[in-house]
N, C-alpha and C. Protein backbone atom coordinates (compact mmCIF):
# COMPACT_ATOMS: atom_id res chain seq x y z
N MET A 1 -26.99 104.85 197.78
CA MET A 1 -28.14 105.71 197.63
C MET A 1 -29.38 104.88 197.34
N LYS A 2 -30.40 105.11 198.09
CA LYS A 2 -31.66 104.41 197.89
C LYS A 2 -32.65 105.39 197.25
N PRO A 3 -33.04 105.16 195.98
CA PRO A 3 -33.93 106.12 195.32
C PRO A 3 -35.33 106.12 195.92
N ARG A 4 -35.92 107.29 195.92
CA ARG A 4 -37.31 107.44 196.35
C ARG A 4 -38.25 107.54 195.16
N LEU A 5 -37.77 108.20 194.08
CA LEU A 5 -38.58 108.38 192.88
C LEU A 5 -37.71 108.12 191.65
N ILE A 6 -38.11 107.12 190.87
CA ILE A 6 -37.38 106.74 189.66
C ILE A 6 -38.17 107.25 188.46
N CYS A 7 -37.53 108.06 187.64
CA CYS A 7 -38.17 108.58 186.42
C CYS A 7 -37.78 107.69 185.25
N VAL A 8 -38.78 107.28 184.47
CA VAL A 8 -38.58 106.40 183.33
C VAL A 8 -39.18 107.05 182.09
N PRO A 9 -38.40 107.86 181.36
CA PRO A 9 -38.93 108.47 180.14
C PRO A 9 -38.86 107.47 178.98
N VAL A 10 -40.00 107.25 178.33
CA VAL A 10 -40.06 106.28 177.22
C VAL A 10 -40.56 106.97 175.96
N ALA A 11 -39.96 106.61 174.83
CA ALA A 11 -40.38 107.13 173.54
C ALA A 11 -41.43 106.20 172.96
N LEU A 12 -42.65 106.71 172.81
CA LEU A 12 -43.74 105.87 172.30
C LEU A 12 -44.38 106.44 171.03
N GLN A 13 -44.29 107.73 170.82
CA GLN A 13 -45.00 108.37 169.72
C GLN A 13 -44.62 107.80 168.36
N ARG A 14 -43.37 107.53 168.16
CA ARG A 14 -42.91 107.12 166.83
C ARG A 14 -43.13 105.65 166.54
N TYR A 15 -43.74 104.90 167.48
CA TYR A 15 -43.89 103.46 167.32
C TYR A 15 -45.35 103.05 167.24
N LEU A 16 -45.61 102.01 166.44
CA LEU A 16 -46.96 101.47 166.30
C LEU A 16 -47.33 100.61 167.50
N ASP A 17 -46.35 100.09 168.21
CA ASP A 17 -46.57 99.28 169.39
C ASP A 17 -45.46 99.60 170.39
N LEU A 18 -45.50 99.00 171.56
CA LEU A 18 -44.48 99.26 172.58
C LEU A 18 -43.12 98.78 172.10
N PRO A 19 -42.12 99.67 172.03
CA PRO A 19 -40.80 99.25 171.57
C PRO A 19 -40.09 98.40 172.63
N PRO A 20 -39.26 97.46 172.19
CA PRO A 20 -38.57 96.56 173.13
C PRO A 20 -37.76 97.30 174.19
N VAL A 21 -37.10 98.39 173.85
CA VAL A 21 -36.28 99.08 174.85
C VAL A 21 -37.16 99.68 175.95
N ALA A 22 -38.37 100.12 175.62
CA ALA A 22 -39.28 100.66 176.64
C ALA A 22 -39.72 99.54 177.59
N LEU A 23 -39.92 98.35 177.05
CA LEU A 23 -40.29 97.21 177.90
C LEU A 23 -39.15 96.87 178.86
N ARG A 24 -37.90 96.91 178.35
CA ARG A 24 -36.76 96.62 179.23
C ARG A 24 -36.55 97.73 180.25
N GLN A 25 -36.75 99.00 179.85
CA GLN A 25 -36.66 100.10 180.82
C GLN A 25 -37.66 99.86 181.95
N ARG A 26 -38.89 99.53 181.57
CA ARG A 26 -39.94 99.27 182.56
C ARG A 26 -39.52 98.16 183.51
N ASP A 27 -39.00 97.06 182.95
CA ASP A 27 -38.63 95.92 183.78
C ASP A 27 -37.47 96.23 184.71
N VAL A 28 -36.45 96.92 184.21
CA VAL A 28 -35.30 97.30 185.04
C VAL A 28 -35.74 98.25 186.15
N ALA A 29 -36.51 99.27 185.79
CA ALA A 29 -36.98 100.22 186.80
C ALA A 29 -37.88 99.53 187.82
N GLY A 30 -38.70 98.59 187.35
CA GLY A 30 -39.56 97.84 188.27
C GLY A 30 -38.77 97.03 189.27
N LEU A 31 -37.69 96.38 188.82
CA LEU A 31 -36.84 95.61 189.73
C LEU A 31 -36.21 96.51 190.79
N ILE A 32 -35.73 97.67 190.36
CA ILE A 32 -35.12 98.60 191.31
C ILE A 32 -36.17 99.11 192.30
N ALA A 33 -37.35 99.45 191.79
CA ALA A 33 -38.41 99.96 192.66
C ALA A 33 -38.84 98.91 193.68
N ARG A 34 -38.98 97.65 193.24
CA ARG A 34 -39.36 96.58 194.16
C ARG A 34 -38.32 96.38 195.25
N SER A 35 -37.06 96.48 194.88
CA SER A 35 -36.00 96.22 195.88
C SER A 35 -35.74 97.40 196.80
N THR A 36 -36.16 98.60 196.41
CA THR A 36 -35.87 99.78 197.23
C THR A 36 -37.11 100.44 197.82
N GLY A 37 -38.28 100.04 197.33
CA GLY A 37 -39.51 100.70 197.78
C GLY A 37 -39.77 102.04 197.11
N ALA A 38 -39.04 102.31 196.02
CA ALA A 38 -39.19 103.59 195.33
C ALA A 38 -40.50 103.64 194.54
N GLU A 39 -40.95 104.85 194.29
CA GLU A 39 -42.10 105.10 193.43
C GLU A 39 -41.57 105.30 192.00
N LEU A 40 -42.40 104.99 191.02
CA LEU A 40 -42.02 105.16 189.62
C LEU A 40 -42.81 106.29 188.97
N LEU A 41 -42.14 107.03 188.12
CA LEU A 41 -42.76 108.08 187.31
C LEU A 41 -42.42 107.75 185.86
N VAL A 42 -43.41 107.26 185.11
CA VAL A 42 -43.20 106.88 183.72
C VAL A 42 -43.75 108.02 182.86
N LEU A 43 -42.89 108.51 181.96
CA LEU A 43 -43.17 109.72 181.21
C LEU A 43 -42.94 109.47 179.73
N SER A 44 -43.84 109.99 178.89
CA SER A 44 -43.61 109.98 177.45
C SER A 44 -43.89 111.37 176.92
N VAL A 45 -43.01 111.84 176.05
CA VAL A 45 -43.11 113.19 175.49
C VAL A 45 -43.29 113.06 173.98
N ASP A 46 -44.37 113.62 173.48
CA ASP A 46 -44.63 113.62 172.04
C ASP A 46 -44.10 114.89 171.41
N ALA A 47 -43.53 114.75 170.24
CA ALA A 47 -43.11 115.92 169.46
C ALA A 47 -44.37 116.59 168.91
N PRO A 48 -44.34 117.91 168.79
CA PRO A 48 -45.51 118.63 168.29
C PRO A 48 -45.63 118.50 166.76
N VAL A 49 -45.89 117.29 166.31
CA VAL A 49 -45.98 117.03 164.88
C VAL A 49 -47.00 115.92 164.65
N ALA A 50 -47.76 116.05 163.59
CA ALA A 50 -48.75 115.03 163.27
C ALA A 50 -48.07 113.91 162.47
N LEU A 51 -48.29 112.69 162.91
CA LEU A 51 -47.77 111.53 162.19
C LEU A 51 -48.96 110.81 161.56
N VAL A 52 -48.67 109.73 160.86
CA VAL A 52 -49.77 108.94 160.31
C VAL A 52 -50.64 108.45 161.45
N ALA A 53 -51.91 108.25 161.14
CA ALA A 53 -52.85 107.80 162.17
C ALA A 53 -52.38 106.48 162.78
N GLN A 54 -52.51 106.38 164.11
CA GLN A 54 -52.10 105.17 164.79
C GLN A 54 -53.32 104.51 165.43
N LEU A 55 -53.22 103.23 165.69
CA LEU A 55 -54.31 102.51 166.31
C LEU A 55 -54.48 102.89 167.77
N GLU A 56 -53.40 103.29 168.39
CA GLU A 56 -53.38 103.54 169.83
C GLU A 56 -52.66 104.85 170.11
N SER A 57 -53.23 105.68 170.96
CA SER A 57 -52.59 106.95 171.31
C SER A 57 -51.44 106.71 172.29
N THR A 58 -50.60 107.73 172.45
CA THR A 58 -49.51 107.60 173.41
C THR A 58 -50.03 107.36 174.82
N PRO A 59 -51.06 108.08 175.30
CA PRO A 59 -51.57 107.77 176.65
C PRO A 59 -52.07 106.32 176.78
N GLU A 60 -52.67 105.78 175.72
CA GLU A 60 -53.11 104.38 175.78
C GLU A 60 -51.92 103.44 175.85
N LYS A 61 -50.88 103.72 175.08
CA LYS A 61 -49.66 102.90 175.13
C LYS A 61 -49.02 102.98 176.52
N LEU A 62 -49.00 104.20 177.09
CA LEU A 62 -48.43 104.37 178.44
C LEU A 62 -49.18 103.51 179.45
N ASP A 63 -50.50 103.54 179.40
CA ASP A 63 -51.30 102.75 180.34
C ASP A 63 -50.99 101.26 180.19
N ARG A 64 -50.87 100.79 178.96
CA ARG A 64 -50.56 99.39 178.72
C ARG A 64 -49.15 99.04 179.19
N LEU A 65 -48.22 99.98 179.01
CA LEU A 65 -46.84 99.76 179.44
C LEU A 65 -46.73 99.61 180.95
N VAL A 66 -47.44 100.43 181.71
CA VAL A 66 -47.29 100.43 183.17
C VAL A 66 -48.19 99.43 183.89
N GLN A 67 -49.18 98.86 183.20
CA GLN A 67 -50.12 97.96 183.88
C GLN A 67 -49.42 96.80 184.61
N PRO A 68 -48.40 96.15 184.02
CA PRO A 68 -47.73 95.08 184.79
C PRO A 68 -47.07 95.58 186.08
N LEU A 69 -46.58 96.81 186.08
CA LEU A 69 -45.99 97.38 187.30
C LEU A 69 -47.06 97.57 188.37
N ARG A 70 -48.19 98.09 187.96
CA ARG A 70 -49.31 98.28 188.90
C ARG A 70 -49.83 96.94 189.39
N ASP A 71 -49.89 95.96 188.48
CA ASP A 71 -50.35 94.62 188.88
C ASP A 71 -49.43 94.01 189.93
N ASP A 72 -48.15 94.41 189.92
CA ASP A 72 -47.18 93.94 190.92
C ASP A 72 -47.26 94.74 192.21
N GLY A 73 -48.17 95.70 192.29
CA GLY A 73 -48.35 96.48 193.50
C GLY A 73 -47.43 97.68 193.63
N LEU A 74 -46.73 98.04 192.56
CA LEU A 74 -45.84 99.20 192.62
C LEU A 74 -46.63 100.49 192.46
N SER A 75 -46.13 101.54 193.07
CA SER A 75 -46.72 102.87 192.95
C SER A 75 -46.18 103.52 191.69
N VAL A 76 -47.08 103.83 190.73
CA VAL A 76 -46.66 104.35 189.43
C VAL A 76 -47.47 105.59 189.08
N GLN A 77 -46.75 106.67 188.80
CA GLN A 77 -47.37 107.87 188.23
C GLN A 77 -47.10 107.83 186.73
N VAL A 78 -48.05 108.34 185.94
CA VAL A 78 -47.88 108.38 184.49
C VAL A 78 -48.08 109.82 184.03
N LEU A 79 -47.17 110.28 183.19
CA LEU A 79 -47.28 111.62 182.61
C LEU A 79 -47.12 111.55 181.10
N HIS A 80 -47.93 112.32 180.42
CA HIS A 80 -47.81 112.46 178.97
C HIS A 80 -47.71 113.95 178.68
N ARG A 81 -46.66 114.36 177.98
CA ARG A 81 -46.44 115.77 177.67
C ARG A 81 -46.14 115.92 176.19
N GLU A 82 -46.07 117.17 175.75
CA GLU A 82 -45.67 117.48 174.38
C GLU A 82 -44.53 118.49 174.44
N GLY A 83 -43.59 118.35 173.52
CA GLY A 83 -42.46 119.28 173.46
C GLY A 83 -41.19 118.58 173.07
N ARG A 84 -40.07 119.23 173.31
CA ARG A 84 -38.76 118.63 173.04
C ARG A 84 -38.47 117.66 174.19
N PRO A 85 -38.35 116.36 173.89
CA PRO A 85 -38.23 115.38 174.96
C PRO A 85 -37.15 115.68 176.00
N SER A 86 -35.93 116.01 175.60
CA SER A 86 -34.87 116.22 176.59
C SER A 86 -35.20 117.39 177.51
N ALA A 87 -35.79 118.45 177.00
CA ALA A 87 -36.14 119.61 177.83
C ALA A 87 -37.29 119.28 178.77
N VAL A 88 -38.31 118.61 178.25
CA VAL A 88 -39.47 118.27 179.09
C VAL A 88 -39.09 117.29 180.18
N VAL A 89 -38.28 116.29 179.85
CA VAL A 89 -37.86 115.32 180.86
C VAL A 89 -37.08 116.01 181.96
N ARG A 90 -36.19 116.92 181.61
CA ARG A 90 -35.44 117.68 182.63
C ARG A 90 -36.38 118.46 183.55
N GLU A 91 -37.37 119.12 182.96
CA GLU A 91 -38.35 119.88 183.76
C GLU A 91 -39.09 118.96 184.73
N VAL A 92 -39.51 117.81 184.23
CA VAL A 92 -40.26 116.86 185.07
C VAL A 92 -39.38 116.33 186.20
N ILE A 93 -38.14 115.97 185.88
CA ILE A 93 -37.23 115.45 186.90
C ILE A 93 -37.04 116.48 188.01
N GLU A 94 -36.77 117.72 187.61
CA GLU A 94 -36.55 118.77 188.60
C GLU A 94 -37.80 119.05 189.41
N GLY A 95 -38.96 119.11 188.74
CA GLY A 95 -40.20 119.40 189.44
C GLY A 95 -40.65 118.31 190.38
N ALA A 96 -40.44 117.06 189.97
CA ALA A 96 -40.89 115.93 190.78
C ALA A 96 -39.87 115.53 191.84
N GLY A 97 -38.63 115.93 191.66
CA GLY A 97 -37.59 115.54 192.62
C GLY A 97 -37.12 114.11 192.42
N ALA A 98 -37.13 113.63 191.17
CA ALA A 98 -36.65 112.27 190.90
C ALA A 98 -35.18 112.16 191.26
N ASP A 99 -34.80 111.00 191.77
CA ASP A 99 -33.40 110.82 192.15
C ASP A 99 -32.72 109.66 191.42
N LEU A 100 -33.38 109.12 190.39
CA LEU A 100 -32.76 108.15 189.49
C LEU A 100 -33.51 108.24 188.17
N LEU A 101 -32.76 108.15 187.09
CA LEU A 101 -33.32 108.23 185.74
C LEU A 101 -32.95 106.95 185.01
N VAL A 102 -33.96 106.21 184.52
CA VAL A 102 -33.72 105.00 183.75
C VAL A 102 -34.13 105.31 182.31
N ILE A 103 -33.13 105.54 181.44
CA ILE A 103 -33.41 105.94 180.07
C ILE A 103 -33.06 104.82 179.11
N GLY A 104 -33.67 104.88 177.95
CA GLY A 104 -33.40 103.91 176.90
C GLY A 104 -32.78 104.59 175.70
N SER A 105 -32.05 103.83 174.94
CA SER A 105 -31.47 104.33 173.70
C SER A 105 -31.86 103.36 172.60
N HIS A 106 -32.41 103.89 171.54
CA HIS A 106 -32.83 103.03 170.45
C HIS A 106 -32.74 103.75 169.12
N SER A 107 -32.45 105.02 169.14
CA SER A 107 -32.52 105.86 167.95
C SER A 107 -31.17 105.94 167.26
N LYS A 108 -31.17 105.60 166.01
CA LYS A 108 -29.96 105.73 165.21
C LYS A 108 -30.36 106.28 163.85
N ARG A 109 -30.85 107.53 163.86
CA ARG A 109 -31.36 108.14 162.65
C ARG A 109 -30.29 108.83 161.83
N GLY A 110 -29.20 109.22 162.43
CA GLY A 110 -28.21 109.98 161.68
C GLY A 110 -26.87 109.99 162.38
N PRO A 111 -25.92 110.74 161.84
CA PRO A 111 -24.56 110.74 162.37
C PRO A 111 -24.48 111.19 163.83
N LEU A 112 -25.39 112.06 164.26
CA LEU A 112 -25.33 112.53 165.65
C LEU A 112 -25.90 111.51 166.62
N ASP A 113 -26.63 110.52 166.11
CA ASP A 113 -27.29 109.53 166.96
C ASP A 113 -26.57 108.19 166.98
N VAL A 114 -25.37 108.09 166.46
CA VAL A 114 -24.74 106.80 166.23
C VAL A 114 -24.60 105.97 167.51
N GLY A 115 -24.05 106.51 168.58
CA GLY A 115 -23.84 105.72 169.79
C GLY A 115 -25.10 105.58 170.62
N VAL A 116 -25.75 106.67 170.86
CA VAL A 116 -27.02 106.71 171.60
C VAL A 116 -27.87 107.75 170.91
N GLY A 117 -29.17 107.69 171.16
CA GLY A 117 -30.06 108.68 170.57
C GLY A 117 -29.76 110.07 171.10
N SER A 118 -30.21 111.07 170.40
CA SER A 118 -29.92 112.45 170.80
C SER A 118 -30.56 112.80 172.14
N THR A 119 -31.77 112.29 172.40
CA THR A 119 -32.42 112.56 173.69
C THR A 119 -31.65 111.88 174.82
N ALA A 120 -31.31 110.62 174.63
CA ALA A 120 -30.55 109.89 175.65
C ALA A 120 -29.21 110.58 175.90
N SER A 121 -28.56 111.01 174.84
CA SER A 121 -27.28 111.69 174.98
C SER A 121 -27.41 112.97 175.81
N ALA A 122 -28.45 113.75 175.54
CA ALA A 122 -28.68 114.98 176.31
C ALA A 122 -28.98 114.67 177.77
N LEU A 123 -29.75 113.63 178.04
CA LEU A 123 -30.11 113.31 179.42
C LEU A 123 -28.94 112.71 180.20
N MET A 124 -28.03 112.04 179.51
CA MET A 124 -26.87 111.47 180.21
C MET A 124 -25.96 112.55 180.74
N ARG A 125 -26.07 113.75 180.20
CA ARG A 125 -25.24 114.87 180.68
C ARG A 125 -25.93 115.64 181.81
N PHE A 126 -27.07 115.17 182.27
CA PHE A 126 -27.80 115.82 183.34
C PHE A 126 -27.08 115.51 184.66
N ASP A 127 -26.48 116.52 185.27
CA ASP A 127 -25.60 116.31 186.42
C ASP A 127 -26.30 115.99 187.73
N ASP A 128 -27.55 116.40 187.87
CA ASP A 128 -28.20 116.33 189.18
C ASP A 128 -28.75 114.96 189.57
N VAL A 129 -28.90 114.05 188.61
CA VAL A 129 -29.54 112.77 188.88
C VAL A 129 -28.72 111.64 188.25
N PRO A 130 -28.46 110.56 188.98
CA PRO A 130 -27.79 109.41 188.37
C PRO A 130 -28.63 108.85 187.23
N VAL A 131 -27.96 108.38 186.18
CA VAL A 131 -28.63 107.87 184.98
C VAL A 131 -28.23 106.42 184.74
N LEU A 132 -29.23 105.58 184.51
CA LEU A 132 -29.01 104.19 184.13
C LEU A 132 -29.48 104.07 182.68
N LEU A 133 -28.58 103.72 181.77
CA LEU A 133 -28.89 103.61 180.35
C LEU A 133 -29.19 102.16 179.99
N VAL A 134 -30.34 101.94 179.37
CA VAL A 134 -30.75 100.62 178.90
C VAL A 134 -30.64 100.63 177.38
N ARG A 135 -29.75 99.80 176.84
CA ARG A 135 -29.56 99.74 175.39
C ARG A 135 -30.19 98.46 174.85
N PRO A 136 -30.74 98.53 173.65
CA PRO A 136 -31.37 97.34 173.07
C PRO A 136 -30.33 96.37 172.52
N THR A 137 -30.72 95.12 172.47
CA THR A 137 -29.91 94.13 171.77
C THR A 137 -30.06 94.39 170.26
N GLY A 138 -29.27 93.75 169.43
CA GLY A 138 -29.41 93.88 167.98
C GLY A 138 -30.80 93.45 167.52
N GLU A 139 -31.29 92.37 168.09
CA GLU A 139 -32.62 91.87 167.74
C GLU A 139 -33.71 92.88 168.14
N GLU A 140 -33.57 93.47 169.33
CA GLU A 140 -34.54 94.47 169.78
C GLU A 140 -34.50 95.72 168.90
N ALA A 141 -33.32 96.14 168.49
CA ALA A 141 -33.19 97.31 167.62
C ALA A 141 -33.85 97.05 166.27
N ALA A 142 -33.68 95.84 165.74
CA ALA A 142 -34.31 95.49 164.46
C ALA A 142 -35.83 95.50 164.60
N LEU A 143 -36.33 94.95 165.69
CA LEU A 143 -37.78 94.96 165.92
C LEU A 143 -38.30 96.38 166.06
N ALA A 144 -37.56 97.24 166.75
CA ALA A 144 -37.98 98.63 166.92
C ALA A 144 -38.09 99.33 165.57
N ARG A 145 -37.15 99.05 164.66
CA ARG A 145 -37.23 99.65 163.33
C ARG A 145 -38.50 99.22 162.60
N LYS A 146 -38.91 97.97 162.79
CA LYS A 146 -40.14 97.47 162.16
C LYS A 146 -41.38 98.13 162.76
N LEU A 147 -41.30 98.50 164.03
CA LEU A 147 -42.44 99.11 164.72
C LEU A 147 -42.54 100.61 164.50
N MET A 148 -41.49 101.21 163.92
CA MET A 148 -41.46 102.66 163.78
C MET A 148 -42.48 103.13 162.75
N VAL A 149 -43.17 104.22 163.09
CA VAL A 149 -44.10 104.84 162.16
C VAL A 149 -43.31 105.21 160.90
N PRO A 150 -43.76 104.81 159.71
CA PRO A 150 -42.94 104.95 158.50
C PRO A 150 -42.41 106.35 158.20
N THR A 151 -43.16 107.40 158.45
CA THR A 151 -42.68 108.74 158.08
C THR A 151 -41.84 109.40 159.15
N TYR A 152 -41.76 108.81 160.32
CA TYR A 152 -41.10 109.50 161.44
C TYR A 152 -39.62 109.82 161.22
N PRO A 153 -38.81 108.94 160.62
CA PRO A 153 -37.38 109.25 160.52
C PRO A 153 -37.07 110.54 159.77
N TRP A 154 -37.99 111.02 158.97
CA TRP A 154 -37.73 112.22 158.20
C TRP A 154 -38.33 113.47 158.82
N VAL A 155 -38.91 113.35 159.99
CA VAL A 155 -39.56 114.48 160.65
C VAL A 155 -38.64 115.01 161.76
N PHE A 156 -38.25 116.27 161.67
CA PHE A 156 -37.43 116.88 162.70
C PHE A 156 -38.15 118.15 163.15
N PRO A 157 -39.06 118.05 164.13
CA PRO A 157 -39.95 119.15 164.48
C PRO A 157 -39.32 120.24 165.35
N TYR A 158 -38.07 120.12 165.72
CA TYR A 158 -37.49 121.08 166.65
C TYR A 158 -36.70 122.15 165.91
N PRO A 159 -36.76 123.37 166.41
CA PRO A 159 -35.97 124.44 165.80
C PRO A 159 -34.49 124.25 166.05
């Protein structure tokens, strides 16, 4: 199967800077897009909750994340939405007709998130699109914890 549209959902809201797993997702998706001629759709979904003030907004982080892909001549769409990430990503995939999903796992906030984050776990069960899971190394996971907005682990904005 040769993908035409690769969806790359990245979690950026909870981080002060680009998390390592998002950088690896970008790089993996970029390699696949270059070798297949596919277009990329990079998406970040913010939870409807106010966090501590950040230096950079999610749309600004998204632009910085995708700039190397654009510099390489790849076709990249960028979307920023608000809502429950797993639900919004599913809507976007279905609406855009993505045929490959490159997701990252970095969240280990509680017993339900031990193997993979809850969003990644929900998206891996999405039957209509093949899923490629990018997991962080131990060093990347430690760096991600340092980049996390301090109050975020205790915020659960979903009903």
